[in-house]
Amino acid sequence: MYNRRAADMRNRKSRTLGLVVTTVRNPYFAELTMSIEQEAHQAGYTLLQGYSLDEVARQRRLLESMSEHRIDGLMLIPASGSPTEDIHETVAAAGIPHVLIARSIPGHEADYVGPDNIRSGELVGRHLATLKVASVAFLGGPPVSTARSERLDGLTSGLRAGGGEVSYDVAASAAGGQGGSELVSALLSAGAVPDAIVAYNDMYAFGILNGLRAHGVEPGRGIAVASFDDVPDAAAQEPALTSVAGFPEQVGARAARLLLARLQDPARASRRVLVTPRLVVRESTTLWTASVSEAERNAS
């Protein structure tokens, strides 16, 4: 009878890959995780998963535990604000090949796979610029995140082409829908009424839509709303949400393949792979154009 445990001990390989993500409550990360698991399974690996909840201390404990379990390789969506030293001390020092996903860690050289966040922001910015949007609030996301800063940079660049600007930039203390609702409530209560709100991701956007209604503002017509990720529920919102598709299944598959290639050739140069995004335009922004046009007609 074949004894896999004995064979693994001889080969000093566990046939196990590690995956640490921030959360699976976001459908984007759930799809990404499923894609990674499928690639790992097809390659004959078991996937050991952990969730950092976007907490650096929790992430460090997970990385230490996975290192103790002798994983062959690691895929990591870094917790926001991850210090380079943590990765060096827990992963690099153990000689574990690894791939960063969606967020990079400044100062840490490693394979990386994620959506092209700068291009994603530019797509939203240029779309809003064509609608003659002048002022935009960028709401949500962790305060320290390369993905957030890249999306903001792209958004600012895209808006600039049409004379628009990011007038309000507020990160979140709470995640997801609750965070989005709280952010828009604070914005409107302070008397700030931008032409458009761009959410860090769809989960924040869903809360923003509800928050606008709670303040008597009709989403889309009163204030345009756009977002990132284009999770399945984005099209089912009222109004349907304009969002940038980041293709999590592609990101996950390419991350897994990149790690498997790294296992075969540990000495090769690190690679940075960006998945091309696609803007999906829906009523949450186009209704704003219609309402402006209607107001102009009534005034003439």
C-alpha atoms as a PDB file:
ATOM      1  CA  MET A   1       0.000   0.000   0.000  1.00  0.00           C
ATOM      2  CA  TYR A   2       1.335   3.427  -0.969  1.00  0.00           C
ATOM      3  CA  ASN A   3       2.328   5.462   2.100  1.00  0.00           C
ATOM      4  CA  ARG A   4       2.080   9.159   1.180  1.00  0.00           C
ATOM      5  CA  ARG A   5       3.323  10.290   4.598  1.00  0.00           C
ATOM      6  CA  ALA A   6       6.505   8.244   4.305  1.00  0.00           C
ATOM      7  CA  ALA A   7       7.056   9.455   0.744  1.00  0.00           C
ATOM      8  CA  ASP A   8       6.568  13.056   1.809  1.00  0.00           C
ATOM      9  CA  MET A   9       9.117  12.645   4.589  1.00  0.00           C
ATOM     10  CA  ARG A  10      11.645  11.254   2.130  1.00  0.00           C
ATOM     11  CA  ASN A  11      11.026  14.046  -0.351  1.00  0.00           C
ATOM     12  CA  ARG A  12      10.779  16.684   2.384  1.00  0.00           C
ATOM     13  CA  LYS A  13       7.658  18.047   0.706  1.00  0.00           C
ATOM     14  CA  SER A  14       4.269  18.354   2.347  1.00  0.00           C
ATOM     15  CA  ARG A  15       2.291  18.753  -0.888  1.00  0.00           C
ATOM     16  CA  THR A  16       0.499  21.554   0.954  1.00  0.00           C
ATOM     17  CA  LEU A  17       0.123  25.185  -0.056  1.00  0.00           C
ATOM     18  CA  GLY A  18      -0.874  27.977   2.305  1.00  0.00           C
ATOM     19  CA  LEU A  19      -3.360  30.744   1.554  1.00  0.00           C
ATOM     20  CA  VAL A  20      -3.983  33.689   3.874  1.00  0.00           C
ATOM     21  CA  VAL A  21      -6.712  36.143   2.890  1.00  0.00           C
ATOM     22  CA  THR A  22      -8.280  39.009   4.787  1.00  0.00           C
ATOM     23  CA  THR A  23     -11.858  37.686   4.663  1.00  0.00           C
ATOM     24  CA  VAL A  24     -14.229  35.579   2.560  1.00  0.00           C
ATOM     25  CA  ARG A  25     -17.258  37.704   3.370  1.00  0.00           C
ATOM     26  CA  ASN A  26     -16.396  39.734   0.308  1.00  0.00           C
ATOM     27  CA  PRO A  27     -17.599  37.702  -2.725  1.00  0.00           C
ATOM     28  CA  TYR A  28     -14.537  38.860  -4.675  1.00  0.00           C
ATOM     29  CA  PHE A  29     -12.213  37.021  -2.282  1.00  0.00           C
ATOM     30  CA  ALA A  30     -14.521  33.997  -2.167  1.00  0.00           C
ATOM     31  CA  GLU A  31     -14.288  33.611  -5.954  1.00  0.00           C
ATOM     32  CA  LEU A  32     -10.537  34.155  -5.837  1.00  0.00           C
ATOM     33  CA  THR A  33     -10.145  31.488  -3.142  1.00  0.00           C
ATOM     34  CA  MET A  34     -12.180  28.936  -5.091  1.00  0.00           C
ATOM     35  CA  SER A  35     -10.049  29.515  -8.166  1.00  0.00           C
ATOM     36  CA  ILE A  36      -6.841  29.005  -6.182  1.00  0.00           C
ATOM     37  CA  GLU A  37      -8.167  25.822  -4.576  1.00  0.00           C
ATOM     38  CA  GLN A  38      -9.048  24.393  -7.983  1.00  0.00           C
ATOM     39  CA  GLU A  39      -5.558  25.054  -9.375  1.00  0.00           C
ATOM     40  CA  ALA A  40      -3.944  23.573  -6.268  1.00  0.00           C
ATOM     41  CA  HIS A  41      -6.153  20.487  -6.431  1.00  0.00           C
ATOM     42  CA  GLN A  42      -5.354  19.878 -10.088  1.00  0.00           C
ATOM     43  CA  ALA A  43      -1.643  20.102  -9.300  1.00  0.00           C
ATOM     44  CA  GLY A  44      -1.969  17.565  -6.488  1.00  0.00           C
ATOM     45  CA  TYR A  45      -1.693  19.974  -3.559  1.00  0.00           C
ATOM     46  CA  THR A  46      -3.850  20.443  -0.494  1.00  0.00           C
ATOM     47  CA  LEU A  47      -4.699  24.034   0.359  1.00  0.00           C
ATOM     48  CA  LEU A  48      -4.374  25.203   3.964  1.00  0.00           C
ATOM     49  CA  GLN A  49      -6.365  28.419   4.450  1.00  0.00           C
ATOM     50  CA  GLY A  50      -6.417  31.111   7.107  1.00  0.00           C
ATOM     51  CA  TYR A  51      -8.106  34.486   7.537  1.00  0.00           C
ATOM     52  CA  SER A  52      -6.287  37.511   8.935  1.00  0.00           C
ATOM     53  CA  LEU A  53      -9.396  39.707   9.261  1.00  0.00           C
ATOM     54  CA  ASP A  54      -7.042  42.439   8.000  1.00  0.00           C
ATOM     55  CA  GLU A  55      -5.168  42.375  11.325  1.00  0.00           C
ATOM     56  CA  VAL A  56      -1.360  42.367  11.209  1.00  0.00           C
ATOM     57  CA  ALA A  57      -0.922  40.497  14.517  1.00  0.00           C
ATOM     58  CA  ARG A  58      -3.388  37.779  13.514  1.00  0.00           C
ATOM     59  CA  GLN A  59      -1.672  37.468  10.133  1.00  0.00           C
ATOM     60  CA  ARG A  60       1.711  36.997  11.781  1.00  0.00           C
ATOM     61  CA  ARG A  61       0.391  34.140  13.936  1.00  0.00           C
ATOM     62  CA  LEU A  62      -1.090  32.473  10.859  1.00  0.00           C
ATOM     63  CA  LEU A  63       2.171  32.753   8.949  1.00  0.00           C
ATOM     64  CA  GLU A  64       4.120  31.310  11.871  1.00  0.00           C
ATOM     65  CA  SER A  65       1.669  28.421  12.131  1.00  0.00           C
ATOM     66  CA  MET A  66       1.812  27.661   8.423  1.00  0.00           C
ATOM     67  CA  SER A  67       5.593  27.734   8.511  1.00  0.00           C
ATOM     68  CA  GLU A  68       5.517  25.196  11.370  1.00  0.00           C
ATOM     69  CA  HIS A  69       3.253  22.979   9.250  1.00  0.00           C
ATOM     70  CA  ARG A  70       5.960  22.954   6.556  1.00  0.00           C
ATOM     71  CA  ILE A  71       3.869  24.283   3.702  1.00  0.00           C
ATOM     72  CA  ASP A  72       5.664  24.131   0.357  1.00  0.00           C
ATOM     73  CA  GLY A  73       4.519  27.578  -0.739  1.00  0.00           C
ATOM     74  CA  LEU A  74       2.322  30.483   0.309  1.00  0.00           C
ATOM     75  CA  MET A  75      -0.160  32.877  -1.284  1.00  0.00           C
ATOM     76  CA  LEU A  76      -0.961  35.971   0.753  1.00  0.00           C
ATOM     77  CA  ILE A  77      -3.338  38.908   0.543  1.00  0.00           C
ATOM     78  CA  PRO A  78      -1.435  41.111   3.004  1.00  0.00           C
ATOM     79  CA  ALA A  79      -3.246  42.738   5.893  1.00  0.00           C
ATOM     80  CA  SER A  80      -3.228  46.495   5.440  1.00  0.00           C
ATOM     81  CA  GLY A  81      -0.077  48.031   6.860  1.00  0.00           C
ATOM     82  CA  SER A  82       1.845  44.741   6.881  1.00  0.00           C
ATOM     83  CA  PRO A  83       5.433  45.493   7.917  1.00  0.00           C
ATOM     84  CA  THR A  84       8.147  44.102   5.668  1.00  0.00           C
ATOM     85  CA  GLU A  85       9.866  42.634   8.730  1.00  0.00           C
ATOM     86  CA  ASP A  86       6.939  40.293   9.435  1.00  0.00           C
ATOM     87  CA  ILE A  87       7.204  38.667   6.016  1.00  0.00           C
ATOM     88  CA  HIS A  88      10.973  38.454   6.212  1.00  0.00           C
ATOM     89  CA  GLU A  89      10.933  36.858   9.659  1.00  0.00           C
ATOM     90  CA  THR A  90       8.080  34.394   9.149  1.00  0.00           C
ATOM     91  CA  VAL A  91       8.142  33.474   5.468  1.00  0.00           C
ATOM     92  CA  ALA A  92      11.353  34.535   3.754  1.00  0.00           C
ATOM     93  CA  ALA A  93      13.548  33.369   6.652  1.00  0.00           C
ATOM     94  CA  ALA A  94      11.932  29.932   6.429  1.00  0.00           C
ATOM     95  CA  GLY A  95      12.685  29.797   2.704  1.00  0.00           C
ATOM     96  CA  ILE A  96       9.014  29.489   1.768  1.00  0.00           C
ATOM     97  CA  PRO A  97       8.280  30.520  -1.842  1.00  0.00           C
ATOM     98  CA  HIS A  98       5.410  32.993  -1.819  1.00  0.00           C
ATOM     99  CA  VAL A  99       3.160  35.143  -3.976  1.00  0.00           C
ATOM    100  CA  LEU A 100       1.434  38.344  -2.883  1.00  0.00           C
ATOM    101  CA  ILE A 101      -2.106  38.891  -4.155  1.00  0.00           C
ATOM    102  CA  ALA A 102      -4.066  42.136  -4.679  1.00  0.00           C
ATOM    103  CA  ARG A 103      -1.860  44.190  -2.341  1.00  0.00           C
ATOM    104  CA  SER A 104       1.895  44.596  -2.433  1.00  0.00           C
ATOM    105  CA  ILE A 105       4.156  45.254   0.565  1.00  0.00           C
ATOM    106  CA  PRO A 106       6.461  48.253   0.053  1.00  0.00           C
ATOM    107  CA  GLY A 107      10.096  47.231   0.292  1.00  0.00           C
ATOM    108  CA  HIS A 108       9.420  43.504  -0.095  1.00  0.00           C
ATOM    109  CA  GLU A 109      10.453  41.870  -3.356  1.00  0.00           C
ATOM    110  CA  ALA A 110       8.161  38.975  -4.274  1.00  0.00           C
ATOM    111  CA  ASP A 111       5.969  37.575  -7.012  1.00  0.00           C
ATOM    112  CA  TYR A 112       2.730  39.545  -7.250  1.00  0.00           C
ATOM    113  CA  VAL A 113      -0.633  39.051  -8.957  1.00  0.00           C
ATOM    114  CA  GLY A 114      -3.568  41.446  -8.820  1.00  0.00           C
ATOM    115  CA  PRO A 115      -5.936  43.610 -10.803  1.00  0.00           C
ATOM    116  CA  ASP A 116      -4.428  46.683 -12.423  1.00  0.00           C
ATOM    117  CA  ASN A 117      -5.690  49.070  -9.748  1.00  0.00           C
ATOM    118  CA  ILE A 118      -4.322  52.230 -11.350  1.00  0.00           C
ATOM    119  CA  ARG A 119      -5.984  51.395 -14.650  1.00  0.00           C
ATOM    120  CA  SER A 120      -9.196  50.535 -12.776  1.00  0.00           C
ATOM    121  CA  GLY A 121      -9.249  53.961 -11.158  1.00  0.00           C
ATOM    122  CA  GLU A 122      -8.554  55.644 -14.476  1.00  0.00           C
ATOM    123  CA  LEU A 123     -11.496  53.853 -16.094  1.00  0.00           C
ATOM    124  CA  VAL A 124     -13.872  55.148 -13.420  1.00  0.00           C
ATOM    125  CA  GLY A 125     -12.386  58.642 -13.517  1.00  0.00           C
ATOM    126  CA  ARG A 126     -12.644  58.971 -17.289  1.00  0.00           C
ATOM    127  CA  HIS A 127     -16.197  57.644 -17.264  1.00  0.00           C
ATOM    128  CA  LEU A 128     -17.250  60.222 -14.686  1.00  0.00           C
ATOM    129  CA  ALA A 129     -15.376  62.908 -16.606  1.00  0.00           C
ATOM    130  CA  THR A 130     -17.492  62.183 -19.683  1.00  0.00           C
ATOM    131  CA  LEU A 131     -20.569  62.792 -17.534  1.00  0.00           C
ATOM    132  CA  LYS A 132     -19.185  66.234 -16.587  1.00  0.00           C
ATOM    133  CA  VAL A 133     -18.840  65.243 -12.950  1.00  0.00           C
ATOM    134  CA  ALA A 134     -16.914  67.974 -11.135  1.00  0.00           C
ATOM    135  CA  SER A 135     -16.596  66.763  -7.512  1.00  0.00           C
ATOM    136  CA  VAL A 136     -16.057  63.197  -6.299  1.00  0.00           C
ATOM    137  CA  ALA A 137     -15.872  61.597  -2.851  1.00  0.00           C
ATOM    138  CA  PHE A 138     -13.685  58.501  -2.610  1.00  0.00           C
ATOM    139  CA  LEU A 139     -14.977  56.480   0.334  1.00  0.00           C
ATOM    140  CA  GLY A 140     -13.974  53.290   2.108  1.00  0.00           C
ATOM    141  CA  GLY A 141     -11.087  50.908   2.214  1.00  0.00           C
ATOM    142  CA  PRO A 142      -8.320  50.419   4.760  1.00  0.00           C
ATOM    143  CA  PRO A 143      -6.311  53.554   5.581  1.00  0.00           C
ATOM    144  CA  VAL A 144      -3.006  51.887   4.650  1.00  0.00           C
ATOM    145  CA  SER A 145      -3.374  49.812   1.502  1.00  0.00           C
ATOM    146  CA  THR A 146      -1.461  49.826  -1.773  1.00  0.00           C
ATOM    147  CA  ALA A 147      -4.646  48.812  -3.597  1.00  0.00           C
ATOM    148  CA  ARG A 148      -6.502  51.821  -2.185  1.00  0.00           C
ATOM    149  CA  SER A 149      -3.736  54.300  -2.992  1.00  0.00           C
ATOM    150  CA  GLU A 150      -3.416  52.931  -6.534  1.00  0.00           C
ATOM    151  CA  ARG A 151      -7.151  53.183  -7.184  1.00  0.00           C
ATOM    152  CA  LEU A 152      -7.173  56.729  -5.860  1.00  0.00           C
ATOM    153  CA  ASP A 153      -4.198  57.704  -8.042  1.00  0.00           C
ATOM    154  CA  GLY A 154      -5.904  56.301 -11.129  1.00  0.00           C
ATOM    155  CA  LEU A 155      -9.231  57.925 -10.259  1.00  0.00           C
ATOM    156  CA  THR A 156      -7.575  61.316  -9.785  1.00  0.00           C
ATOM    157  CA  SER A 157      -5.757  61.005 -13.100  1.00  0.00           C
ATOM    158  CA  GLY A 158      -8.887  59.976 -14.995  1.00  0.00           C
ATOM    159  CA  LEU A 159     -10.991  62.787 -13.552  1.00  0.00           C
ATOM    160  CA  ARG A 160      -8.361  65.389 -14.306  1.00  0.00           C
ATOM    161  CA  ALA A 161      -8.847  64.862 -18.033  1.00  0.00           C
ATOM    162  CA  GLY A 162     -12.378  66.262 -17.725  1.00  0.00           C
ATOM    163  CA  GLY A 163     -11.690  68.946 -15.145  1.00  0.00           C
ATOM    164  CA  GLY A 164     -13.053  66.958 -12.215  1.00  0.00           C
ATOM    165  CA  GLU A 165     -11.363  66.285  -8.886  1.00  0.00           C
ATOM    166  CA  VAL A 166     -11.496  64.129  -5.780  1.00  0.00           C
ATOM    167  CA  SER A 167     -12.870  66.635  -3.284  1.00  0.00           C
ATOM    168  CA  TYR A 168     -13.265  64.181  -0.379  1.00  0.00           C
ATOM    169  CA  ASP A 169     -11.062  61.189   0.435  1.00  0.00           C
ATOM    170  CA  VAL A 170     -12.086  59.218   3.513  1.00  0.00           C
ATOM    171  CA  ALA A 171     -10.870  55.740   4.436  1.00  0.00           C
ATOM    172  CA  ALA A 172     -12.929  53.513   6.702  1.00  0.00           C
ATOM    173  CA  SER A 173     -12.673  52.240  10.242  1.00  0.00           C
ATOM    174  CA  ALA A 174     -15.368  49.632   9.611  1.00  0.00           C
ATOM    175  CA  ALA A 175     -15.455  47.228   6.694  1.00  0.00           C
ATOM    176  CA  GLY A 176     -18.133  46.495   4.136  1.00  0.00           C
ATOM    177  CA  GLY A 177     -21.702  47.701   4.018  1.00  0.00           C
ATOM    178  CA  GLN A 178     -21.806  49.086   7.538  1.00  0.00           C
ATOM    179  CA  GLY A 179     -18.668  51.096   6.848  1.00  0.00           C
ATOM    180  CA  GLY A 180     -20.116  52.484   3.617  1.00  0.00           C
ATOM    181  CA  SER A 181     -23.342  53.561   5.267  1.00  0.00           C
ATOM    182  CA  GLU A 182     -21.480  55.288   8.104  1.00  0.00           C
ATOM    183  CA  LEU A 183     -19.131  57.076   5.716  1.00  0.00           C
ATOM    184  CA  VAL A 184     -21.861  58.505   3.520  1.00  0.00           C
ATOM    185  CA  SER A 185     -23.880  59.521   6.581  1.00  0.00           C
ATOM    186  CA  ALA A 186     -20.906  61.455   7.963  1.00  0.00           C
ATOM    187  CA  LEU A 187     -20.282  63.030   4.559  1.00  0.00           C
ATOM    188  CA  LEU A 188     -23.833  64.279   4.052  1.00  0.00           C
ATOM    189  CA  SER A 189     -24.275  65.316   7.683  1.00  0.00           C
ATOM    190  CA  ALA A 190     -21.258  67.599   7.248  1.00  0.00           C
ATOM    191  CA  GLY A 191     -23.016  69.294   4.336  1.00  0.00           C
ATOM    192  CA  ALA A 192     -20.809  67.802   1.630  1.00  0.00           C
ATOM    193  CA  VAL A 193     -22.799  66.874  -1.478  1.00  0.00           C
ATOM    194  CA  PRO A 194     -20.465  65.734  -4.287  1.00  0.00           C
ATOM    195  CA  ASP A 195     -21.627  64.983  -7.799  1.00  0.00           C
ATOM    196  CA  ALA A 196     -20.423  61.395  -7.422  1.00  0.00           C
ATOM    197  CA  ILE A 197     -19.208  58.901  -4.843  1.00  0.00           C
ATOM    198  CA  VAL A 198     -16.657  56.265  -5.759  1.00  0.00           C
ATOM    199  CA  ALA A 199     -16.489  53.371  -3.302  1.00  0.00           C
ATOM    200  CA  TYR A 200     -13.303  51.428  -2.573  1.00  0.00           C
ATOM    201  CA  ASN A 201     -15.176  48.221  -3.448  1.00  0.00           C
ATOM    202  CA  ASP A 202     -18.688  46.939  -4.018  1.00  0.00           C
ATOM    203  CA  MET A 203     -19.266  45.973  -0.392  1.00  0.00           C
ATOM    204  CA  TYR A 204     -18.794  49.596   0.644  1.00  0.00           C
ATOM    205  CA  ALA A 205     -20.896  50.699  -2.321  1.00  0.00           C
ATOM    206  CA  PHE A 206     -23.877  48.630  -1.179  1.00  0.00           C
ATOM    207  CA  GLY A 207     -23.800  50.404   2.170  1.00  0.00           C
ATOM    208  CA  ILE A 208     -23.392  53.758   0.426  1.00  0.00           C
ATOM    209  CA  LEU A 209     -26.537  53.168  -1.648  1.00  0.00           C
ATOM    210  CA  ASN A 210     -28.511  52.453   1.520  1.00  0.00           C
ATOM    211  CA  GLY A 211     -26.958  55.411   3.313  1.00  0.00           C
ATOM    212  CA  LEU A 212     -27.952  57.796   0.543  1.00  0.00           C
ATOM    213  CA  ARG A 213     -31.572  56.632   0.714  1.00  0.00           C
ATOM    214  CA  ALA A 214     -31.572  57.055   4.482  1.00  0.00           C
ATOM    215  CA  HIS A 215     -30.679  60.725   3.923  1.00  0.00           C
ATOM    216  CA  GLY A 216     -33.353  61.234   1.273  1.00  0.00           C
ATOM    217  CA  VAL A 217     -30.926  61.201  -1.666  1.00  0.00           C
ATOM    218  CA  GLU A 218     -31.829  59.013  -4.623  1.00  0.00           C
ATOM    219  CA  PRO A 219     -28.740  57.008  -5.623  1.00  0.00           C
ATOM    220  CA  GLY A 220     -27.819  57.535  -9.230  1.00  0.00           C
ATOM    221  CA  ARG A 221     -30.020  60.548  -9.862  1.00  0.00           C
ATOM    222  CA  GLY A 222     -29.086  62.649  -6.843  1.00  0.00           C
ATOM    223  CA  ILE A 223     -25.486  61.478  -6.564  1.00  0.00           C
ATOM    224  CA  ALA A 224     -23.786  59.139  -9.026  1.00  0.00           C
ATOM    225  CA  VAL A 225     -22.172  56.046  -7.476  1.00  0.00           C
ATOM    226  CA  ALA A 226     -19.399  53.862  -8.896  1.00  0.00           C
ATOM    227  CA  SER A 227     -17.210  51.157  -7.448  1.00  0.00           C
ATOM    228  CA  PHE A 228     -14.667  48.375  -7.951  1.00  0.00           C
ATOM    229  CA  ASP A 229     -14.779  44.533  -8.198  1.00  0.00           C
ATOM    230  CA  ASP A 230     -18.154  44.012  -9.959  1.00  0.00           C
ATOM    231  CA  VAL A 231     -19.259  41.151  -7.721  1.00  0.00           C
ATOM    232  CA  PRO A 232     -22.410  39.298  -8.851  1.00  0.00           C
ATOM    233  CA  ASP A 233     -24.751  41.371  -6.644  1.00  0.00           C
ATOM    234  CA  ALA A 234     -23.596  44.644  -8.220  1.00  0.00           C
ATOM    235  CA  ALA A 235     -25.985  44.222 -11.150  1.00  0.00           C
ATOM    236  CA  ALA A 236     -28.865  43.412  -8.774  1.00  0.00           C
ATOM    237  CA  GLN A 237     -28.678  46.687  -6.827  1.00  0.00           C
ATOM    238  CA  GLU A 238     -31.240  49.449  -7.213  1.00  0.00           C
ATOM    239  CA  PRO A 239     -30.021  51.204  -9.243  1.00  0.00           C
ATOM    240  CA  ALA A 240     -27.665  48.667 -10.817  1.00  0.00           C
ATOM    241  CA  LEU A 241     -24.122  49.547  -9.812  1.00  0.00           C
ATOM    242  CA  THR A 242     -21.439  50.804 -12.186  1.00  0.00           C
ATOM    243  CA  SER A 243     -18.319  48.883 -11.213  1.00  0.00           C
ATOM    244  CA  VAL A 244     -14.917  47.826 -12.529  1.00  0.00           C
ATOM    245  CA  ALA A 245     -14.603  44.079 -13.017  1.00  0.00           C
ATOM    246  CA  GLY A 246     -11.379  42.794 -11.448  1.00  0.00           C
ATOM    247  CA  PHE A 247     -11.820  39.145 -12.511  1.00  0.00           C
ATOM    248  CA  PRO A 248     -11.017  37.331  -9.238  1.00  0.00           C
ATOM    249  CA  GLU A 249     -11.053  33.921 -10.886  1.00  0.00           C
ATOM    250  CA  GLN A 250      -8.246  35.053 -13.195  1.00  0.00           C
ATOM    251  CA  VAL A 251      -6.284  36.624 -10.344  1.00  0.00           C
ATOM    252  CA  GLY A 252      -6.575  33.468  -8.246  1.00  0.00           C
ATOM    253  CA  ALA A 253      -5.652  31.081 -11.055  1.00  0.00           C
ATOM    254  CA  ARG A 254      -2.652  33.125 -12.127  1.00  0.00           C
ATOM    255  CA  ALA A 255      -1.439  33.469  -8.536  1.00  0.00           C
ATOM    256  CA  ALA A 256      -1.590  29.712  -8.025  1.00  0.00           C
ATOM    257  CA  ARG A 257       0.181  29.030 -11.317  1.00  0.00           C
ATOM    258  CA  LEU A 258       2.860  31.583 -10.510  1.00  0.00           C
ATOM    259  CA  LEU A 259       3.498  29.920  -7.154  1.00  0.00           C
ATOM    260  CA  LEU A 260       3.653  26.468  -8.747  1.00  0.00           C
ATOM    261  CA  ALA A 261       6.158  27.803 -11.273  1.00  0.00           C
ATOM    262  CA  ARG A 262       8.179  29.296  -8.422  1.00  0.00           C
ATOM    263  CA  LEU A 263       8.294  25.891  -6.731  1.00  0.00           C
ATOM    264  CA  GLN A 264       9.786  24.437  -9.904  1.00  0.00           C
ATOM    265  CA  ASP A 265      12.350  27.233 -10.269  1.00  0.00           C
ATOM    266  CA  PRO A 266      13.008  28.969  -6.925  1.00  0.00           C
ATOM    267  CA  ALA A 267      15.884  31.073  -8.281  1.00  0.00           C
ATOM    268  CA  ARG A 268      14.068  32.843 -11.086  1.00  0.00           C
ATOM    269  CA  ALA A 269      13.426  36.589 -10.983  1.00  0.00           C
ATOM    270  CA  SER A 270      10.202  37.749  -9.335  1.00  0.00           C
ATOM    271  CA  ARG A 271       7.283  38.635 -11.583  1.00  0.00           C
ATOM    272  CA  ARG A 272       4.511  41.218 -11.328  1.00  0.00           C
ATOM    273  CA  VAL A 273       1.321  40.142 -13.109  1.00  0.00           C
ATOM    274  CA  LEU A 274      -1.540  42.621 -13.558  1.00  0.00           C
ATOM    275  CA  VAL A 275      -4.975  41.480 -14.709  1.00  0.00           C
ATOM    276  CA  THR A 276      -6.612  43.920 -17.124  1.00  0.00           C
ATOM    277  CA  PRO A 277      -9.844  45.378 -15.650  1.00  0.00           C
ATOM    278  CA  ARG A 278     -13.087  46.185 -17.467  1.00  0.00           C
ATOM    279  CA  LEU A 279     -15.543  48.973 -16.625  1.00  0.00           C
ATOM    280  CA  VAL A 280     -19.179  47.848 -16.499  1.00  0.00           C
ATOM    281  CA  VAL A 281     -21.415  50.910 -16.815  1.00  0.00           C
ATOM    282  CA  ARG A 282     -24.873  50.734 -15.239  1.00  0.00           C
ATOM    283  CA  GLU A 283     -27.645  53.018 -14.015  1.00  0.00           C
ATOM    284  CA  SER A 284     -25.933  54.188 -10.822  1.00  0.00           C
ATOM    285  CA  THR A 285     -23.939  56.615 -12.972  1.00  0.00           C
ATOM    286  CA  THR A 286     -25.941  56.957 -16.194  1.00  0.00           C
ATOM    287  CA  LEU A 287     -29.051  58.099 -14.301  1.00  0.00           C
ATOM    288  CA  TRP A 288     -27.080  61.078 -13.037  1.00  0.00           C
ATOM    289  CA  THR A 289     -26.443  62.169 -16.609  1.00  0.00           C
ATOM    290  CA  ALA A 290     -30.144  61.801 -17.372  1.00  0.00           C
ATOM    291  CA  SER A 291     -31.169  63.865 -14.356  1.00  0.00           C
ATOM    292  CA  VAL A 292     -28.757  66.639 -15.258  1.00  0.00           C
ATOM    293  CA  SER A 293     -30.049  66.684 -18.824  1.00  0.00           C
ATOM    294  CA  GLU A 294     -33.628  66.846 -17.578  1.00  0.00           C
ATOM    295  CA  ALA A 295     -32.808  69.764 -15.286  1.00  0.00           C
ATOM    296  CA  GLU A 296     -31.172  71.578 -18.163  1.00  0.00           C
ATOM    297  CA  ARG A 297     -34.260  71.039 -20.328  1.00  0.00           C
ATOM    298  CA  ASN A 298     -36.552  72.356 -17.605  1.00  0.00           C
ATOM    299  CA  ALA A 299     -34.380  75.424 -17.168  1.00  0.00           C
ATOM    300  CA  SER A 300     -34.478  76.260 -20.900  1.00  0.00           C
END
